[in-house]
Amino acid sequence: MDLTGHFGQEVRRTRLSLNISQEQLAAMSGVNRSHMGQIERGQKSASLYTIERIANALHCSPSQLVNFNSGDSE
């Protein structure tokens, strides 16, 4: 999986673990809800600025959302 897809999956997994809707996360991070959906599905890349805003809204570090060290081998 590429970085964009991995990031989107991690955003979704973290959001769901916090019981936050996609719409709520979009509002909390200042990202358009439609764009947030595209990010979560791995259809659109997020800028570094957007990654930081999403991470802040999810109360985690940006590195937690882009970390590939999950035991996957490439």
Protein backbone atom coordinates (compact mmCIF):
# COMPACT_ATOMS: atom_id res chain seq x y z
CA MET A 1 0.00 0.00 0.00
CA ASP A 2 1.24 3.49 -0.74
CA LEU A 3 1.72 6.26 1.81
CA THR A 4 -1.49 8.07 0.79
CA GLY A 5 -3.60 4.95 1.32
CA HIS A 6 -1.86 4.09 4.57
CA PHE A 7 -2.36 7.61 5.90
CA GLY A 8 -6.07 7.50 5.04
CA GLN A 9 -6.51 4.14 6.79
CA GLU A 10 -4.74 5.40 9.89
CA VAL A 11 -6.84 8.56 9.99
CA ARG A 12 -10.02 6.48 9.72
CA ARG A 13 -8.87 3.91 12.31
CA THR A 14 -7.88 6.63 14.78
CA ARG A 15 -11.07 8.62 14.17
CA LEU A 16 -13.26 5.59 14.76
CA SER A 17 -11.34 4.65 17.91
CA LEU A 18 -12.20 8.10 19.26
CA ASN A 19 -15.84 7.73 18.19
CA ILE A 20 -15.65 10.85 16.00
CA SER A 21 -17.65 11.12 12.80
CA GLN A 22 -15.93 12.06 9.56
CA GLU A 23 -17.94 15.27 9.54
CA GLN A 24 -16.82 16.11 13.09
CA LEU A 25 -13.18 15.47 12.24
CA ALA A 26 -13.46 17.63 9.14
CA ALA A 27 -14.87 20.50 11.22
CA MET A 28 -12.29 20.03 14.00
CA SER A 29 -9.39 20.11 11.54
CA GLY A 30 -10.75 22.74 9.16
CA VAL A 31 -10.80 20.34 6.21
CA ASN A 32 -13.72 20.17 3.79
CA ARG A 33 -15.81 17.06 4.60
CA SER A 34 -15.69 15.81 1.02
CA HIS A 35 -11.91 16.22 0.94
CA MET A 36 -11.65 14.38 4.28
CA GLY A 37 -13.52 11.43 2.75
CA GLN A 38 -11.15 11.40 -0.20
CA ILE A 39 -8.16 11.48 2.15
CA GLU A 40 -9.52 8.57 4.19
CA ARG A 41 -10.16 6.52 1.04
CA GLY A 42 -6.63 7.22 -0.19
CA GLN A 43 -7.93 9.06 -3.24
CA LYS A 44 -6.28 12.39 -2.39
CA SER A 45 -3.00 13.26 -0.72
CA ALA A 46 -2.95 15.62 2.22
CA SER A 47 -0.46 18.47 2.45
CA LEU A 48 1.89 18.57 5.42
CA TYR A 49 -0.19 21.43 6.81
CA THR A 50 -3.38 19.35 6.53
CA ILE A 51 -1.69 16.30 8.06
CA GLU A 52 -0.70 18.42 11.05
CA ARG A 53 -4.24 19.80 11.45
CA ILE A 54 -5.78 16.32 11.25
CA ALA A 55 -3.27 14.94 13.76
CA ASN A 56 -3.97 17.80 16.16
CA ALA A 57 -7.71 17.17 15.90
CA LEU A 58 -7.10 13.46 16.63
CA HIS A 59 -4.77 14.31 19.55
CA CYS A 60 -1.84 12.43 18.08
CA SER A 61 1.40 13.21 16.30
CA PRO A 62 1.59 13.34 12.52
CA SER A 63 4.16 10.54 12.64
CA GLN A 64 1.58 8.20 14.19
CA LEU A 65 -0.59 8.61 11.10
CA VAL A 66 2.18 7.97 8.58
CA ASN A 67 4.17 5.30 10.44
CA PHE A 68 4.80 2.25 8.25
CA ASN A 69 6.44 0.25 11.05
CA SER A 70 3.47 -2.03 11.59
CA GLY A 71 5.25 -5.27 10.77
CA ASP A 72 4.61 -5.05 7.03
CA SER A 73 7.56 -5.94 4.89
CA GLU A 74 8.18 -4.26 1.56
